[in-house]
Structure formats: structure tokens, C-alpha cells
């Protein structure tokens, strides 16, 4: 819930786990760790525009439901049966483990309720409900989202440099994204001193939605680079920089 940047960052830290050795597992896991937050779009959209009756059902944390995760997994398995390509079962496993990981993190780190059993009429899980969290703490948590988005953009650039493939052109867009996230951070911090909490949440929403869309789009664009990503070795980086400098001098 509104912690896509945090989920992505934690997923990146897990990259060297043996689970991610198989093809397409890591980018799928990374995507799965973010996808549940699409319900944030529906749950907060009503603060800006009118939501039609058919979409009111989605005005909950529906993507955080264990039943939604199972449904998505079954769809992916059907797709695998149609394609008969082992890589698609890797996508299914990676995405589902990513979504379950997202759910686990939200239960313990998010200060609001999580509708794990939606659409059943069962109580949400909310371990923080009896704990008063000051508004300043909530504002800090939301501010760090934009910072984590910026970190993800930087990470994506490193991934492309590590394994360029056909993605070299995308570095420019990622650099622009980094600057945009910096502006979002500054605007949000300034707004926290100027407007009440309700309007501050709308401002956050306006910056957060395009950010999560850009994050999902980035994963799609650099999928191959993510799949082949290995952590940089300092000496290798230095050699690469020197080699590029020499090429520039020769030209």
C-alpha cells in the first residue's frame, strides 16, 4: 500500500538469492512485488473523480487479497499450458512469490489495514490499529517513497550499463525520471508545511501514480537487462570507465 518504492528496493537487495538463477525469475519477482499497489490507484481515485458503480468493488485493497493472487497465478498457469514454454512457468512463480512477499511486507510495515481475504466478509489485517502513528511519521514514510523511486531509476541505469542489450537509449529517460522524482520530493515536502493532511494526500497521489506506472514500464523495458544483471565489481567498473575514456580520446 503506497510503498512500491520500498518493495522494489527490498526485492533488489534479494537479487543474489539462488531462487533467482532461473531465466526471468528476478524481473517477474520484481514486477510481482510492485503489482499489488495498483489497487491504490482505485482506492484513492475517488478523491479526485467520480467512480462508476461497477468499479466501487475495486475501491479496496483488492490486489492484496490472497484470492486475487491465486486467481492471477491460475491465469498465468493457463497461459503456460497454451504456450508450453518453461520460461512462462518461471514468470508465474516469480510474480506470485513477489506478490506474496509484497503482502507479507505490507502486513508488518504498512500502517493501514490490508484486506487479505477480500472479497470475503472477513476482518482486514491491521496490526497497527491500536498504535497511534503521528502524522509526521506518515509524511516521512510517504516522502521516502519518492526517494526510493529515484533510487530505483538509478538502479535501472546501472542494470543497463551492466548488460546494455538494446536498452542503451532508455538511460536518458531514466535520468529524466530521476530528476522528476527529485522535484516530486521537494514539492511534497514543501506541501506538508502548507496544506492539510487531506490535500497533502491528493498531492502525493498525483506524484505517486505516474511514478508507479513508470516503474512498471521500466521493468518491462529493461526486462532482459534485469534478467542478466550481476552486481558491479569496482575494478571492472574502473576498467570499463577507462576503456570508454580511451575510445572517446581516440575519436
Protein backbone atom coordinates (compact mmCIF):
# COMPACT_ATOMS: atom_id res chain seq x y z
CA UNK A 1 0.00 0.00 0.00
CA UNK A 2 1.75 3.14 -1.27
CA UNK A 3 5.13 1.55 -0.66
CA UNK A 4 6.08 0.40 -4.14
CA UNK A 5 9.49 2.05 -3.89
CA UNK A 6 10.23 0.20 -0.65
CA UNK A 7 9.09 -3.13 -2.09
CA UNK A 8 11.22 -2.67 -5.19
CA UNK A 9 14.27 -1.72 -3.11
CA UNK A 10 13.93 -4.76 -0.82
CA UNK A 11 13.47 -7.01 -3.87
CA UNK A 12 16.66 -5.63 -5.40
CA UNK A 13 18.55 -6.48 -2.20
CA UNK A 14 17.45 -10.11 -2.63
CA UNK A 15 18.76 -10.36 -6.21
CA UNK A 16 21.67 -12.71 -5.40
CA UNK A 17 19.40 -15.36 -3.88
CA UNK A 18 19.66 -18.77 -5.60
CA UNK A 19 15.93 -18.62 -6.30
CA UNK A 20 16.59 -16.00 -9.00
CA UNK A 21 19.07 -18.07 -11.02
CA UNK A 22 16.45 -19.35 -13.46
CA UNK A 23 15.53 -17.29 -16.51
CA UNK A 24 13.01 -14.46 -16.00
CA UNK A 25 12.51 -15.22 -12.30
CA UNK A 26 14.02 -11.98 -10.96
CA UNK A 27 12.24 -9.46 -13.23
CA UNK A 28 8.99 -11.38 -12.61
CA UNK A 29 9.53 -11.29 -8.86
CA UNK A 30 10.33 -7.58 -9.02
CA UNK A 31 7.18 -6.91 -11.03
CA UNK A 32 5.10 -9.06 -8.67
CA UNK A 33 6.43 -7.17 -5.66
CA UNK A 34 5.03 -3.95 -7.14
CA UNK A 35 1.81 -5.03 -8.91
CA UNK A 36 -0.39 -5.25 -5.76
CA UNK A 37 -0.14 -1.48 -5.31
CA UNK A 38 -2.24 -0.91 -8.41
CA UNK A 39 -5.24 -1.13 -6.08
CA UNK A 40 -4.02 2.11 -4.54
CA UNK A 41 -4.98 3.76 -7.81
CA UNK A 42 -8.60 2.64 -7.44
CA UNK A 43 -8.84 3.18 -3.68
CA UNK A 44 -7.75 6.82 -3.93
CA UNK A 45 -9.14 7.72 -7.34
CA UNK A 46 -12.48 8.62 -5.78
CA UNK A 47 -10.80 11.60 -4.06
CA UNK A 48 -10.29 13.21 -7.48
CA UNK A 49 -13.03 11.95 -9.79
CA UNK A 50 -16.37 10.15 -9.62
CA UNK A 51 -16.08 6.34 -9.69
CA UNK A 52 -18.87 4.42 -11.52
CA UNK A 53 -20.81 1.80 -9.57
CA UNK A 54 -19.17 -1.21 -11.30
CA UNK A 55 -15.74 -0.05 -10.09
CA UNK A 56 -16.75 0.52 -6.47
CA UNK A 57 -15.85 -3.09 -5.70
CA UNK A 58 -12.26 -2.18 -6.52
CA UNK A 59 -12.28 0.67 -4.02
CA UNK A 60 -10.47 -1.62 -1.58
CA UNK A 61 -7.10 -3.32 -1.31
CA UNK A 62 -8.32 -5.99 -3.74
CA UNK A 63 -4.88 -6.66 -5.24
CA UNK A 64 -3.59 -7.51 -1.76
CA UNK A 65 -6.08 -10.34 -1.41
CA UNK A 66 -4.77 -13.90 -1.26
CA UNK A 67 -7.65 -14.88 -3.57
CA UNK A 68 -6.63 -12.31 -6.18
CA UNK A 69 -3.08 -13.68 -6.06
CA UNK A 70 -4.35 -17.25 -6.54
CA UNK A 71 -6.55 -16.11 -9.43
CA UNK A 72 -3.60 -14.39 -11.16
CA UNK A 73 -1.45 -17.48 -10.65
CA UNK A 74 -4.11 -19.71 -12.26
CA UNK A 75 -4.30 -17.34 -15.25
CA UNK A 76 -0.53 -17.50 -15.65
CA UNK A 77 -0.60 -21.31 -15.45
CA UNK A 78 -3.26 -21.38 -18.19
CA UNK A 79 -1.04 -19.15 -20.32
CA UNK A 80 1.86 -21.54 -19.68
CA UNK A 81 -0.26 -24.52 -20.77
CA UNK A 82 -1.09 -22.71 -24.00
CA UNK A 83 2.48 -21.65 -24.80
CA UNK A 84 4.24 -24.75 -23.44
CA UNK A 85 7.31 -22.65 -22.72
CA UNK A 86 9.16 -23.28 -19.44
CA UNK A 87 10.05 -19.61 -19.15
CA UNK A 88 6.39 -18.77 -18.59
CA UNK A 89 6.20 -21.01 -15.54
CA UNK A 90 9.20 -19.05 -14.25
CA UNK A 91 7.22 -15.85 -14.78
CA UNK A 92 4.26 -17.33 -12.92
CA UNK A 93 6.37 -18.46 -9.97
CA UNK A 94 8.36 -15.23 -9.84
CA UNK A 95 5.27 -12.99 -9.93
CA UNK A 96 3.35 -14.98 -7.32
CA UNK A 97 6.25 -15.13 -4.90
CA UNK A 98 6.74 -11.41 -5.48
CA UNK A 99 3.09 -10.67 -4.71
CA UNK A 100 3.13 -12.87 -1.60
CA UNK A 101 6.33 -11.14 -0.49
CA UNK A 102 4.62 -7.77 -1.01
CA UNK A 103 1.67 -8.93 1.08
CA UNK A 104 3.95 -10.13 3.89
CA UNK A 105 5.87 -6.83 3.98
CA UNK A 106 2.69 -4.73 3.97
CA UNK A 107 1.17 -6.61 6.90
CA UNK A 108 4.11 -5.63 9.08
CA UNK A 109 5.28 -2.31 7.63
CA UNK A 110 2.15 -0.55 6.39
CA UNK A 111 0.25 1.49 8.98
CA UNK A 112 -3.18 0.91 7.39
CA UNK A 113 -5.40 -2.16 7.05
CA UNK A 114 -4.73 -4.89 4.45
CA UNK A 115 -7.74 -6.75 3.02
CA UNK A 116 -6.03 -10.13 2.77
CA UNK A 117 -9.32 -12.03 2.47
CA UNK A 118 -11.17 -9.70 0.05
CA UNK A 119 -13.96 -10.17 -1.15
CA UNK A 120 -14.97 -12.40 1.77
CA UNK A 121 -16.68 -10.56 4.65
CA UNK A 122 -13.76 -11.17 6.99
CA UNK A 123 -11.81 -8.66 9.05
CA UNK A 124 -8.81 -6.99 7.48
CA UNK A 125 -5.38 -7.49 8.98
CA UNK A 126 -4.24 -4.32 10.70
CA UNK A 127 -1.54 -4.90 13.31
CA UNK A 128 -1.05 -1.13 13.81
CA UNK A 129 -4.70 -0.29 14.53
CA UNK A 130 -4.17 0.12 18.28
CA UNK A 131 -1.00 2.15 17.83
CA UNK A 132 -1.20 5.88 17.22
CA UNK A 133 1.16 6.88 14.42
CA UNK A 134 1.83 10.66 14.33
CA UNK A 135 1.12 12.44 11.06
CA UNK A 136 4.76 13.48 10.79
CA UNK A 137 5.80 9.80 10.67
CA UNK A 138 3.25 9.10 7.93
CA UNK A 139 4.51 12.10 5.97
CA UNK A 140 8.10 10.89 6.29
CA UNK A 141 7.10 7.42 5.07
CA UNK A 142 5.31 8.89 2.05
CA UNK A 143 8.22 11.24 1.31
CA UNK A 144 10.64 8.33 1.22
CA UNK A 145 8.53 6.72 -1.49
CA UNK A 146 9.69 9.36 -3.98
CA UNK A 147 13.27 8.86 -2.79
CA UNK A 148 13.00 5.11 -3.34
CA UNK A 149 11.57 5.71 -6.81
CA UNK A 150 14.65 7.81 -7.57
CA UNK A 151 16.88 5.02 -6.22
CA UNK A 152 15.09 2.54 -8.47
CA UNK A 153 15.69 4.76 -11.50
CA UNK A 154 19.40 4.92 -10.60
CA UNK A 155 19.50 1.13 -10.13
CA UNK A 156 17.88 0.67 -13.55
CA UNK A 157 20.60 2.78 -15.17
CA UNK A 158 23.25 0.58 -13.51
CA UNK A 159 21.44 -2.52 -14.76
CA UNK A 160 21.52 -1.22 -18.34
CA UNK A 161 25.21 -0.32 -18.08
CA UNK A 162 25.88 -3.81 -16.74
CA UNK A 163 24.00 -5.54 -19.55
CA UNK A 164 23.05 -2.97 -22.24
CA UNK A 165 21.36 -5.19 -24.80
CA UNK A 166 19.00 -2.93 -26.76
CA UNK A 167 18.30 -0.67 -23.79
CA UNK A 168 21.05 1.96 -24.05
CA UNK A 169 18.60 4.57 -25.35
CA UNK A 170 16.49 4.22 -22.19
CA UNK A 171 19.18 5.69 -19.94
CA UNK A 172 18.19 9.22 -20.98
CA UNK A 173 14.55 8.65 -19.95
CA UNK A 174 15.66 7.18 -16.64
CA UNK A 175 17.87 10.19 -15.98
CA UNK A 176 14.89 12.47 -16.59
CA UNK A 177 12.81 10.29 -14.26
CA UNK A 178 15.40 10.71 -11.52
CA UNK A 179 15.10 14.49 -11.81
CA UNK A 180 11.29 14.31 -11.79
CA UNK A 181 11.34 12.24 -8.59
CA UNK A 182 13.59 14.85 -7.01
CA UNK A 183 11.03 17.53 -7.91
CA UNK A 184 8.21 15.37 -6.52
CA UNK A 185 10.14 15.00 -3.27
CA UNK A 186 10.72 18.75 -2.92
CA UNK A 187 7.10 19.62 -3.80
CA UNK A 188 5.74 17.06 -1.35
CA UNK A 189 7.97 18.27 1.50
CA UNK A 190 7.01 21.90 0.89
CA UNK A 191 3.33 20.96 0.64
CA UNK A 192 3.47 19.20 4.00
CA UNK A 193 4.05 22.63 5.58
CA UNK A 194 1.43 24.47 3.51
CA UNK A 195 -1.67 22.25 3.21
CA UNK A 196 -3.69 20.00 5.49
CA UNK A 197 -3.27 16.23 5.50
CA UNK A 198 -6.24 15.57 3.17
CA UNK A 199 -4.90 17.76 0.35
CA UNK A 200 -1.37 16.53 1.02
CA UNK A 201 -2.58 13.00 0.32
CA UNK A 202 -4.03 14.16 -3.02
CA UNK A 203 -0.69 15.78 -3.91
CA UNK A 204 1.06 12.53 -3.01
CA UNK A 205 -1.42 10.61 -5.16
CA UNK A 206 -0.73 12.89 -8.16
CA UNK A 207 3.01 12.17 -7.91
CA UNK A 208 2.75 8.53 -6.86
CA UNK A 209 0.55 7.18 -9.67
CA UNK A 210 2.79 8.26 -12.60
CA UNK A 211 5.80 7.07 -10.60
CA UNK A 212 4.48 3.53 -10.15
CA UNK A 213 3.40 3.44 -13.81
CA UNK A 214 6.93 4.49 -14.82
CA UNK A 215 8.40 1.81 -12.55
CA UNK A 216 6.29 -0.94 -14.14
CA UNK A 217 7.11 0.39 -17.61
CA UNK A 218 10.82 0.42 -16.76
CA UNK A 219 10.75 -3.21 -15.66
CA UNK A 220 9.10 -4.11 -18.97
CA UNK A 221 11.64 -2.10 -20.98
CA UNK A 222 14.77 -3.46 -19.26
CA UNK A 223 13.44 -6.99 -18.65
CA UNK A 224 16.38 -8.65 -20.42
CA UNK A 225 18.94 -6.50 -18.63
CA UNK A 226 17.32 -7.26 -15.27
CA UNK A 227 17.40 -10.96 -16.03
CA UNK A 228 21.14 -10.84 -16.73
CA UNK A 229 22.05 -8.34 -14.04
CA UNK A 230 25.12 -9.02 -11.91
CA UNK A 231 26.47 -6.71 -9.26
CA UNK A 232 29.28 -4.45 -10.47
CA UNK A 233 32.79 -5.27 -9.34
CA UNK A 234 34.67 -2.00 -8.57
CA UNK A 235 37.74 -2.96 -10.61
CA UNK A 236 35.51 -3.88 -13.53
CA UNK A 237 33.78 -0.52 -13.32
CA UNK A 238 37.11 1.33 -13.32
CA UNK A 239 38.31 -0.69 -16.31
CA UNK A 240 35.08 -0.02 -18.16
CA UNK A 241 35.29 3.73 -17.48
CA UNK A 242 38.95 3.85 -18.59
CA UNK A 243 38.13 1.88 -21.72
CA UNK A 244 35.32 4.26 -22.63
CA UNK A 245 37.56 7.26 -21.96
CA UNK A 246 40.20 5.86 -24.28
CA UNK A 247 37.61 5.31 -27.00
CA UNK A 248 36.44 8.90 -26.62
CA UNK A 249 40.03 10.20 -26.84
CA UNK A 250 40.71 8.12 -29.93
CA UNK A 251 37.61 9.51 -31.64
